[in-house]
Amino acid sequence: MRYLLSLCLCLAACGPEVPHTKTLDRNGLMRLVFPTWAPKGKAANQTVSLPAESSQPDKTDETEARVSPLHVIRLDDTHAVMVTEAVAVDEHGEPVNCHACSASLGAYFFSRDDKGWRLDSRQDSVGTSGVNGAIGTTRVERIGKAFVVFAEWGSCWQGICGSWLEAFGVWPGKAKSLTPGIPLEAENSGAVGECDNADPELGAMQPCFDVSSKWAVRQGQVVIDFKGETRDTPDEDGKRPPAVKIATQARYTLQGDELKLVSGANPVPGF
């Protein structure tokens, strides 16, 4: 019995060494997750589990993707997370670049012991954001007990342009998309032309809108200030009603693991 106990202790002590890195340098953390990774070229391509379709984020496939570190967040004294961008690559090993090609935000969780930082768990895809194979402009803010990674991106489609704000919450060992995307801006001059003299072929009978915004995190809330105007469709005589001016504010608060509108309204037209 004593021999078996000693053998078990020996096997445990002599087991595979868990890789560590001394610092939270993002390149060192990337090699803990992906040992063959390098920051440039096809060495940045790695196999990750990404959604097969953006409409079904829970169904994933093993996918070859270009993976890049975005942020390293120190959650507390002994926990950290690295946030990444992953973009699927084509048959030539290059990141796909199409209008409907978003990027995936990944989260990799680390803890510190007496040997340094070690990988604890991973989420190859917390959610998607962006267009043309890019996740958008990102930044990290603290809201309540969570760190939130924001990604802002925009695109145009058939003359209508817009931008959106994605938000991903990060806690020790957990990351989650907080919102399906908050509309920030929209304008359709490319679809209707000049509003008062719209070309019938462009869309003289469509409403006109031009709404922009600025956002910030203030006192634990996402505060968005909107401005712009909208004009309804012409009447029977072909005249448009006066423009409706927009100058309003919306506030979003983190409630549990969702970012919810708690004050004001979001006036950005949908399209």
C-alpha atoms as a PDB file:
ATOM      1  CA  MET A   1       0.000   0.000   0.000  1.00  0.00           C
ATOM      2  CA  ARG A   2       2.800   2.390   0.966  1.00  0.00           C
ATOM      3  CA  TYR A   3       4.577   1.471  -2.278  1.00  0.00           C
ATOM      4  CA  LEU A   4       1.480   2.278  -4.363  1.00  0.00           C
ATOM      5  CA  LEU A   5       1.059   5.632  -2.614  1.00  0.00           C
ATOM      6  CA  SER A   6       4.697   6.502  -3.231  1.00  0.00           C
ATOM      7  CA  LEU A   7       4.343   5.476  -6.888  1.00  0.00           C
ATOM      8  CA  CYS A   8       1.272   7.688  -7.341  1.00  0.00           C
ATOM      9  CA  LEU A   9       3.057  10.662  -5.776  1.00  0.00           C
ATOM     10  CA  CYS A  10       6.053  10.072  -8.027  1.00  0.00           C
ATOM     11  CA  LEU A  11       3.912   9.875 -11.154  1.00  0.00           C
ATOM     12  CA  ALA A  12       2.121  13.097 -10.203  1.00  0.00           C
ATOM     13  CA  ALA A  13       5.394  14.891  -9.546  1.00  0.00           C
ATOM     14  CA  CYS A  14       6.965  13.552 -12.721  1.00  0.00           C
ATOM     15  CA  GLY A  15       3.981  14.374 -14.960  1.00  0.00           C
ATOM     16  CA  PRO A  16       4.132  16.762 -17.911  1.00  0.00           C
ATOM     17  CA  GLU A  17       5.385  20.199 -16.959  1.00  0.00           C
ATOM     18  CA  VAL A  18       2.674  22.836 -17.325  1.00  0.00           C
ATOM     19  CA  PRO A  19       4.015  25.677 -19.496  1.00  0.00           C
ATOM     20  CA  HIS A  20       4.375  29.083 -17.830  1.00  0.00           C
ATOM     21  CA  THR A  21       5.458  32.558 -18.795  1.00  0.00           C
ATOM     22  CA  LYS A  22       6.969  35.011 -16.342  1.00  0.00           C
ATOM     23  CA  THR A  23       5.138  38.101 -17.570  1.00  0.00           C
ATOM     24  CA  LEU A  24       1.894  39.133 -19.216  1.00  0.00           C
ATOM     25  CA  ASP A  25       3.631  40.018 -22.467  1.00  0.00           C
ATOM     26  CA  ARG A  26       1.045  39.287 -25.156  1.00  0.00           C
ATOM     27  CA  ASN A  27       3.439  37.394 -27.431  1.00  0.00           C
ATOM     28  CA  GLY A  28       4.462  35.115 -24.583  1.00  0.00           C
ATOM     29  CA  LEU A  29       0.830  34.472 -23.674  1.00  0.00           C
ATOM     30  CA  MET A  30       0.004  33.702 -27.304  1.00  0.00           C
ATOM     31  CA  ARG A  31       2.683  31.001 -27.369  1.00  0.00           C
ATOM     32  CA  LEU A  32       1.214  29.420 -24.236  1.00  0.00           C
ATOM     33  CA  VAL A  33      -2.059  29.030 -26.128  1.00  0.00           C
ATOM     34  CA  PHE A  34      -0.579  28.378 -29.589  1.00  0.00           C
ATOM     35  CA  PRO A  35       3.003  27.045 -29.307  1.00  0.00           C
ATOM     36  CA  THR A  36       3.733  27.510 -33.037  1.00  0.00           C
ATOM     37  CA  TRP A  37       2.306  31.039 -33.234  1.00  0.00           C
ATOM     38  CA  ALA A  38       4.295  34.045 -34.481  1.00  0.00           C
ATOM     39  CA  PRO A  39       2.999  37.599 -34.883  1.00  0.00           C
ATOM     40  CA  LYS A  40       3.486  37.913 -38.642  1.00  0.00           C
ATOM     41  CA  GLY A  41       2.639  35.942 -41.748  1.00  0.00           C
ATOM     42  CA  LYS A  42       1.184  32.470 -41.937  1.00  0.00           C
ATOM     43  CA  ALA A  43       2.734  31.498 -38.594  1.00  0.00           C
ATOM     44  CA  ALA A  44      -0.125  33.548 -37.099  1.00  0.00           C
ATOM     45  CA  ASN A  45      -2.613  31.052 -38.580  1.00  0.00           C
ATOM     46  CA  GLN A  46      -3.898  28.638 -35.966  1.00  0.00           C
ATOM     47  CA  THR A  47      -6.736  26.131 -35.581  1.00  0.00           C
ATOM     48  CA  VAL A  48      -9.596  27.469 -33.458  1.00  0.00           C
ATOM     49  CA  SER A  49     -13.277  26.698 -32.938  1.00  0.00           C
ATOM     50  CA  LEU A  50     -15.314  29.391 -34.696  1.00  0.00           C
ATOM     51  CA  PRO A  51     -19.046  29.668 -35.446  1.00  0.00           C
ATOM     52  CA  ALA A  52     -19.989  27.985 -38.701  1.00  0.00           C
ATOM     53  CA  GLU A  53     -22.572  30.775 -39.182  1.00  0.00           C
ATOM     54  CA  SER A  54     -22.895  34.095 -37.355  1.00  0.00           C
ATOM     55  CA  SER A  55     -26.606  33.381 -36.814  1.00  0.00           C
ATOM     56  CA  GLN A  56     -25.715  30.188 -34.896  1.00  0.00           C
ATOM     57  CA  PRO A  57     -22.849  31.136 -32.557  1.00  0.00           C
ATOM     58  CA  ASP A  58     -23.186  27.950 -30.484  1.00  0.00           C
ATOM     59  CA  LYS A  59     -22.427  25.695 -33.469  1.00  0.00           C
ATOM     60  CA  THR A  60     -18.692  25.771 -34.137  1.00  0.00           C
ATOM     61  CA  ASP A  61     -16.247  24.158 -36.525  1.00  0.00           C
ATOM     62  CA  GLU A  62     -12.511  23.675 -36.266  1.00  0.00           C
ATOM     63  CA  THR A  63     -11.271  26.503 -38.470  1.00  0.00           C
ATOM     64  CA  GLU A  64      -7.895  27.725 -39.669  1.00  0.00           C
ATOM     65  CA  ALA A  65      -7.754  31.420 -38.767  1.00  0.00           C
ATOM     66  CA  ARG A  66      -5.350  34.348 -38.462  1.00  0.00           C
ATOM     67  CA  VAL A  67      -5.211  35.017 -34.711  1.00  0.00           C
ATOM     68  CA  SER A  68      -3.937  38.313 -33.292  1.00  0.00           C
ATOM     69  CA  PRO A  69      -3.789  39.543 -29.675  1.00  0.00           C
ATOM     70  CA  LEU A  70      -5.793  42.709 -28.985  1.00  0.00           C
ATOM     71  CA  HIS A  71      -5.666  43.346 -25.226  1.00  0.00           C
ATOM     72  CA  VAL A  72      -4.271  41.759 -22.068  1.00  0.00           C
ATOM     73  CA  ILE A  73      -6.434  42.586 -19.051  1.00  0.00           C
ATOM     74  CA  ARG A  74      -5.241  42.070 -15.477  1.00  0.00           C
ATOM     75  CA  LEU A  75      -8.423  41.004 -13.705  1.00  0.00           C
ATOM     76  CA  ASP A  76      -6.882  40.816 -10.226  1.00  0.00           C
ATOM     77  CA  ASP A  77      -3.582  39.859  -8.598  1.00  0.00           C
ATOM     78  CA  THR A  78      -3.682  36.268  -9.842  1.00  0.00           C
ATOM     79  CA  HIS A  79      -5.967  36.294 -12.888  1.00  0.00           C
ATOM     80  CA  ALA A  80      -5.680  37.773 -16.362  1.00  0.00           C
ATOM     81  CA  VAL A  81      -7.331  37.406 -19.744  1.00  0.00           C
ATOM     82  CA  MET A  82      -6.002  37.931 -23.247  1.00  0.00           C
ATOM     83  CA  VAL A  83      -8.525  39.066 -25.854  1.00  0.00           C
ATOM     84  CA  THR A  84      -7.863  38.140 -29.496  1.00  0.00           C
ATOM     85  CA  GLU A  85      -9.170  38.721 -32.999  1.00  0.00           C
ATOM     86  CA  ALA A  86      -9.570  35.654 -35.214  1.00  0.00           C
ATOM     87  CA  VAL A  87     -10.301  35.847 -38.938  1.00  0.00           C
ATOM     88  CA  ALA A  88     -10.800  32.707 -41.029  1.00  0.00           C
ATOM     89  CA  VAL A  89      -8.241  32.241 -43.803  1.00  0.00           C
ATOM     90  CA  ASP A  90      -8.750  31.154 -47.396  1.00  0.00           C
ATOM     91  CA  GLU A  91      -7.144  28.267 -49.297  1.00  0.00           C
ATOM     92  CA  HIS A  92      -3.985  30.361 -49.674  1.00  0.00           C
ATOM     93  CA  GLY A  93      -3.685  30.959 -45.946  1.00  0.00           C
ATOM     94  CA  GLU A  94      -4.696  34.620 -46.199  1.00  0.00           C
ATOM     95  CA  PRO A  95      -7.452  36.229 -44.070  1.00  0.00           C
ATOM     96  CA  VAL A  96     -10.784  36.381 -45.860  1.00  0.00           C
ATOM     97  CA  ASN A  97     -11.887  39.869 -46.846  1.00  0.00           C
ATOM     98  CA  CYS A  98     -15.498  40.129 -47.915  1.00  0.00           C
ATOM     99  CA  HIS A  99     -18.318  42.497 -47.058  1.00  0.00           C
ATOM    100  CA  ALA A 100     -20.086  39.938 -44.892  1.00  0.00           C
ATOM    101  CA  CYS A 101     -16.892  38.573 -43.280  1.00  0.00           C
ATOM    102  CA  SER A 102     -16.798  39.481 -39.602  1.00  0.00           C
ATOM    103  CA  ALA A 103     -14.081  38.577 -37.096  1.00  0.00           C
ATOM    104  CA  SER A 104     -14.376  36.574 -33.878  1.00  0.00           C
ATOM    105  CA  LEU A 105     -13.334  37.868 -30.475  1.00  0.00           C
ATOM    106  CA  GLY A 106     -11.612  35.213 -28.366  1.00  0.00           C
ATOM    107  CA  ALA A 107     -10.763  35.135 -24.657  1.00  0.00           C
ATOM    108  CA  TYR A 108      -7.951  33.136 -23.020  1.00  0.00           C
ATOM    109  CA  PHE A 109      -7.764  32.952 -19.242  1.00  0.00           C
ATOM    110  CA  PHE A 110      -4.580  32.747 -17.160  1.00  0.00           C
ATOM    111  CA  SER A 111      -3.742  32.381 -13.480  1.00  0.00           C
ATOM    112  CA  ARG A 112      -0.505  33.063 -11.623  1.00  0.00           C
ATOM    113  CA  ASP A 113       1.339  30.668  -9.305  1.00  0.00           C
ATOM    114  CA  ASP A 114       4.898  30.547  -7.999  1.00  0.00           C
ATOM    115  CA  LYS A 115       6.194  29.623 -11.486  1.00  0.00           C
ATOM    116  CA  GLY A 116       4.469  32.450 -13.341  1.00  0.00           C
ATOM    117  CA  TRP A 117       1.367  32.653 -15.542  1.00  0.00           C
ATOM    118  CA  ARG A 118      -0.322  29.528 -16.895  1.00  0.00           C
ATOM    119  CA  LEU A 119      -3.271  28.953 -19.228  1.00  0.00           C
ATOM    120  CA  ASP A 120      -6.441  27.878 -17.395  1.00  0.00           C
ATOM    121  CA  SER A 121      -9.210  27.937 -20.005  1.00  0.00           C
ATOM    122  CA  ARG A 122     -10.139  29.313 -23.406  1.00  0.00           C
ATOM    123  CA  GLN A 123     -13.058  30.602 -25.456  1.00  0.00           C
ATOM    124  CA  ASP A 124     -11.983  30.756 -29.078  1.00  0.00           C
ATOM    125  CA  SER A 125     -15.095  32.749 -29.974  1.00  0.00           C
ATOM    126  CA  VAL A 126     -17.006  34.858 -27.471  1.00  0.00           C
ATOM    127  CA  GLY A 127     -18.845  36.611 -30.299  1.00  0.00           C
ATOM    128  CA  THR A 128     -18.388  38.286 -33.662  1.00  0.00           C
ATOM    129  CA  SER A 129     -17.985  41.882 -34.781  1.00  0.00           C
ATOM    130  CA  GLY A 130     -16.958  43.911 -37.782  1.00  0.00           C
ATOM    131  CA  VAL A 131     -16.819  43.583 -41.530  1.00  0.00           C
ATOM    132  CA  ASN A 132     -14.242  42.861 -44.255  1.00  0.00           C
ATOM    133  CA  GLY A 133     -12.309  40.541 -41.968  1.00  0.00           C
ATOM    134  CA  ALA A 134     -11.724  43.110 -39.216  1.00  0.00           C
ATOM    135  CA  ILE A 135     -13.308  43.281 -35.780  1.00  0.00           C
ATOM    136  CA  GLY A 136     -13.384  47.085 -35.642  1.00  0.00           C
ATOM    137  CA  THR A 137     -11.866  49.625 -33.253  1.00  0.00           C
ATOM    138  CA  THR A 138     -11.599  48.173 -29.754  1.00  0.00           C
ATOM    139  CA  ARG A 139     -11.049  49.491 -26.253  1.00  0.00           C
ATOM    140  CA  VAL A 140     -11.471  48.219 -22.692  1.00  0.00           C
ATOM    141  CA  GLU A 141     -13.517  49.863 -19.931  1.00  0.00           C
ATOM    142  CA  ARG A 142     -14.406  48.866 -16.377  1.00  0.00           C
ATOM    143  CA  ILE A 143     -18.146  48.748 -15.664  1.00  0.00           C
ATOM    144  CA  GLY A 144     -19.145  47.496 -12.225  1.00  0.00           C
ATOM    145  CA  LYS A 145     -17.368  44.221 -11.513  1.00  0.00           C
ATOM    146  CA  ALA A 146     -16.753  43.449 -15.178  1.00  0.00           C
ATOM    147  CA  PHE A 147     -14.205  44.561 -17.697  1.00  0.00           C
ATOM    148  CA  VAL A 148     -15.936  45.304 -20.998  1.00  0.00           C
ATOM    149  CA  VAL A 149     -14.299  45.096 -24.408  1.00  0.00           C
ATOM    150  CA  PHE A 150     -16.030  47.435 -26.845  1.00  0.00           C
ATOM    151  CA  ALA A 151     -15.734  47.057 -30.616  1.00  0.00           C
ATOM    152  CA  GLU A 152     -17.002  49.819 -32.907  1.00  0.00           C
ATOM    153  CA  TRP A 153     -17.448  49.113 -36.606  1.00  0.00           C
ATOM    154  CA  GLY A 154     -19.336  50.433 -39.612  1.00  0.00           C
ATOM    155  CA  SER A 155     -20.322  49.549 -43.160  1.00  0.00           C
ATOM    156  CA  CYS A 156     -22.386  50.665 -46.165  1.00  0.00           C
ATOM    157  CA  TRP A 157     -24.900  48.636 -48.150  1.00  0.00           C
ATOM    158  CA  GLN A 158     -26.705  49.827 -51.271  1.00  0.00           C
ATOM    159  CA  GLY A 159     -26.140  53.473 -50.401  1.00  0.00           C
ATOM    160  CA  ILE A 160     -27.099  53.217 -46.730  1.00  0.00           C
ATOM    161  CA  CYS A 161     -24.305  53.503 -44.161  1.00  0.00           C
ATOM    162  CA  GLY A 162     -24.294  52.726 -40.463  1.00  0.00           C
ATOM    163  CA  SER A 163     -22.120  51.920 -37.483  1.00  0.00           C
ATOM    164  CA  TRP A 164     -22.617  49.744 -34.421  1.00  0.00           C
ATOM    165  CA  LEU A 165     -21.130  49.174 -30.969  1.00  0.00           C
ATOM    166  CA  GLU A 166     -20.530  45.621 -29.763  1.00  0.00           C
ATOM    167  CA  ALA A 167     -19.766  44.886 -26.096  1.00  0.00           C
ATOM    168  CA  PHE A 168     -18.193  41.785 -24.526  1.00  0.00           C
ATOM    169  CA  GLY A 169     -18.022  41.325 -20.754  1.00  0.00           C
ATOM    170  CA  VAL A 170     -15.028  39.637 -19.139  1.00  0.00           C
ATOM    171  CA  TRP A 171     -14.814  38.105 -15.668  1.00  0.00           C
ATOM    172  CA  PRO A 172     -12.333  35.550 -14.229  1.00  0.00           C
ATOM    173  CA  GLY A 173     -12.864  32.391 -16.302  1.00  0.00           C
ATOM    174  CA  LYS A 174     -15.832  33.788 -18.255  1.00  0.00           C
ATOM    175  CA  ALA A 175     -16.535  36.046 -21.233  1.00  0.00           C
ATOM    176  CA  LYS A 176     -19.869  36.826 -22.872  1.00  0.00           C
ATOM    177  CA  SER A 177     -21.411  39.049 -25.526  1.00  0.00           C
ATOM    178  CA  LEU A 178     -23.473  41.666 -23.690  1.00  0.00           C
ATOM    179  CA  THR A 179     -25.558  43.029 -26.565  1.00  0.00           C
ATOM    180  CA  PRO A 180     -26.416  42.098 -30.161  1.00  0.00           C
ATOM    181  CA  GLY A 181     -25.032  45.463 -31.273  1.00  0.00           C
ATOM    182  CA  ILE A 182     -26.061  49.024 -30.422  1.00  0.00           C
ATOM    183  CA  PRO A 183     -26.758  51.238 -33.482  1.00  0.00           C
ATOM    184  CA  LEU A 184     -24.611  54.382 -33.384  1.00  0.00           C
ATOM    185  CA  GLU A 185     -25.079  56.034 -36.774  1.00  0.00           C
ATOM    186  CA  ALA A 186     -27.092  55.758 -39.978  1.00  0.00           C
ATOM    187  CA  GLU A 187     -27.456  57.846 -43.136  1.00  0.00           C
ATOM    188  CA  ASN A 188     -28.942  57.065 -46.532  1.00  0.00           C
ATOM    189  CA  SER A 189     -27.915  59.871 -48.897  1.00  0.00           C
ATOM    190  CA  GLY A 190     -26.300  57.286 -51.156  1.00  0.00           C
ATOM    191  CA  ALA A 191     -29.677  55.574 -51.564  1.00  0.00           C
ATOM    192  CA  VAL A 192     -31.961  58.606 -52.013  1.00  0.00           C
ATOM    193  CA  GLY A 193     -29.645  61.338 -53.250  1.00  0.00           C
ATOM    194  CA  GLU A 194     -30.375  64.925 -52.182  1.00  0.00           C
ATOM    195  CA  CYS A 195     -33.419  64.689 -49.958  1.00  0.00           C
ATOM    196  CA  ASP A 196     -35.408  67.654 -51.357  1.00  0.00           C
ATOM    197  CA  ASN A 197     -34.670  66.754 -54.970  1.00  0.00           C
ATOM    198  CA  ALA A 198     -34.337  63.004 -54.779  1.00  0.00           C
ATOM    199  CA  ASP A 199     -33.983  61.168 -58.044  1.00  0.00           C
ATOM    200  CA  PRO A 200     -37.023  58.874 -58.458  1.00  0.00           C
ATOM    201  CA  GLU A 201     -34.729  56.090 -59.575  1.00  0.00           C
ATOM    202  CA  LEU A 202     -32.689  56.454 -56.375  1.00  0.00           C
ATOM    203  CA  GLY A 203     -35.610  56.492 -54.018  1.00  0.00           C
ATOM    204  CA  ALA A 204     -37.649  59.698 -54.008  1.00  0.00           C
ATOM    205  CA  MET A 205     -40.364  57.948 -51.991  1.00  0.00           C
ATOM    206  CA  GLN A 206     -38.021  56.791 -49.237  1.00  0.00           C
ATOM    207  CA  PRO A 207     -37.515  58.645 -45.945  1.00  0.00           C
ATOM    208  CA  CYS A 208     -34.242  60.528 -45.487  1.00  0.00           C
ATOM    209  CA  PHE A 209     -32.125  60.178 -42.366  1.00  0.00           C
ATOM    210  CA  ASP A 210     -28.735  61.267 -41.107  1.00  0.00           C
ATOM    211  CA  VAL A 211     -28.019  60.404 -37.468  1.00  0.00           C
ATOM    212  CA  SER A 212     -24.600  60.391 -35.783  1.00  0.00           C
ATOM    213  CA  SER A 213     -23.442  59.997 -32.195  1.00  0.00           C
ATOM    214  CA  LYS A 214     -20.634  60.104 -29.668  1.00  0.00           C
ATOM    215  CA  TRP A 215     -20.373  57.600 -26.837  1.00  0.00           C
ATOM    216  CA  ALA A 216     -18.446  57.294 -23.583  1.00  0.00           C
ATOM    217  CA  VAL A 217     -18.493  55.377 -20.315  1.00  0.00           C
ATOM    218  CA  ARG A 218     -19.560  57.697 -17.497  1.00  0.00           C
ATOM    219  CA  GLN A 219     -20.296  56.703 -13.913  1.00  0.00           C
ATOM    220  CA  GLY A 220     -20.593  53.045 -14.812  1.00  0.00           C
ATOM    221  CA  GLN A 221     -22.948  53.576 -17.757  1.00  0.00           C
ATOM    222  CA  VAL A 222     -22.547  53.669 -21.527  1.00  0.00           C
ATOM    223  CA  VAL A 223     -23.786  57.131 -22.471  1.00  0.00           C
ATOM    224  CA  ILE A 224     -24.544  57.893 -26.131  1.00  0.00           C
ATOM    225  CA  ASP A 225     -25.353  61.412 -27.342  1.00  0.00           C
ATOM    226  CA  PHE A 226     -27.208  61.433 -30.667  1.00  0.00           C
ATOM    227  CA  LYS A 227     -27.733  64.254 -33.136  1.00  0.00           C
ATOM    228  CA  GLY A 228     -29.084  64.558 -36.663  1.00  0.00           C
ATOM    229  CA  GLU A 229     -32.387  64.664 -38.469  1.00  0.00           C
ATOM    230  CA  THR A 230     -34.943  62.538 -40.276  1.00  0.00           C
ATOM    231  CA  ARG A 231     -37.467  63.449 -42.976  1.00  0.00           C
ATOM    232  CA  ASP A 232     -40.517  61.395 -43.804  1.00  0.00           C
ATOM    233  CA  THR A 233     -41.654  60.351 -47.281  1.00  0.00           C
ATOM    234  CA  PRO A 234     -43.222  62.996 -49.564  1.00  0.00           C
ATOM    235  CA  ASP A 235     -46.958  63.687 -49.501  1.00  0.00           C
ATOM    236  CA  GLU A 236     -49.307  63.297 -52.485  1.00  0.00           C
ATOM    237  CA  ASP A 237     -47.967  66.544 -53.945  1.00  0.00           C
ATOM    238  CA  GLY A 238     -44.393  65.293 -53.780  1.00  0.00           C
ATOM    239  CA  LYS A 239     -43.385  67.585 -50.916  1.00  0.00           C
ATOM    240  CA  ARG A 240     -41.525  66.293 -47.918  1.00  0.00           C
ATOM    241  CA  PRO A 241     -42.550  67.366 -44.431  1.00  0.00           C
ATOM    242  CA  PRO A 242     -40.069  69.471 -42.413  1.00  0.00           C
ATOM    243  CA  ALA A 243     -37.082  67.696 -40.951  1.00  0.00           C
ATOM    244  CA  VAL A 244     -37.374  66.277 -37.452  1.00  0.00           C
ATOM    245  CA  LYS A 245     -34.304  67.329 -35.499  1.00  0.00           C
ATOM    246  CA  ILE A 246     -32.637  64.790 -33.233  1.00  0.00           C
ATOM    247  CA  ALA A 247     -30.737  65.759 -30.092  1.00  0.00           C
ATOM    248  CA  THR A 248     -31.140  63.064 -27.488  1.00  0.00           C
ATOM    249  CA  GLN A 249     -29.241  60.795 -25.147  1.00  0.00           C
ATOM    250  CA  ALA A 250     -29.440  57.080 -24.336  1.00  0.00           C
ATOM    251  CA  ARG A 251     -27.919  55.351 -21.324  1.00  0.00           C
ATOM    252  CA  TYR A 252     -27.084  51.662 -21.071  1.00  0.00           C
ATOM    253  CA  THR A 253     -26.304  49.830 -17.835  1.00  0.00           C
ATOM    254  CA  LEU A 254     -24.797  46.409 -17.202  1.00  0.00           C
ATOM    255  CA  GLN A 255     -27.485  44.295 -15.538  1.00  0.00           C
ATOM    256  CA  GLY A 256     -26.201  40.806 -14.786  1.00  0.00           C
ATOM    257  CA  ASP A 257     -24.525  39.794 -18.029  1.00  0.00           C
ATOM    258  CA  GLU A 258     -26.524  42.054 -20.364  1.00  0.00           C
ATOM    259  CA  LEU A 259     -26.071  45.681 -21.375  1.00  0.00           C
ATOM    260  CA  LYS A 260     -29.572  47.165 -21.240  1.00  0.00           C
ATOM    261  CA  LEU A 261     -31.097  50.500 -22.221  1.00  0.00           C
ATOM    262  CA  VAL A 262     -32.245  52.133 -18.971  1.00  0.00           C
ATOM    263  CA  SER A 263     -32.771  55.767 -19.952  1.00  0.00           C
ATOM    264  CA  GLY A 264     -33.730  57.661 -23.111  1.00  0.00           C
ATOM    265  CA  ALA A 265     -34.105  56.077 -26.535  1.00  0.00           C
ATOM    266  CA  ASN A 266     -31.950  55.078 -29.469  1.00  0.00           C
ATOM    267  CA  PRO A 267     -33.162  57.100 -32.490  1.00  0.00           C
ATOM    268  CA  VAL A 268     -30.974  55.461 -35.143  1.00  0.00           C
ATOM    269  CA  PRO A 269     -33.220  54.163 -37.959  1.00  0.00           C
ATOM    270  CA  GLY A 270     -32.977  50.479 -38.695  1.00  0.00           C
ATOM    271  CA  PHE A 271     -32.109  49.159 -42.134  1.00  0.00           C
END
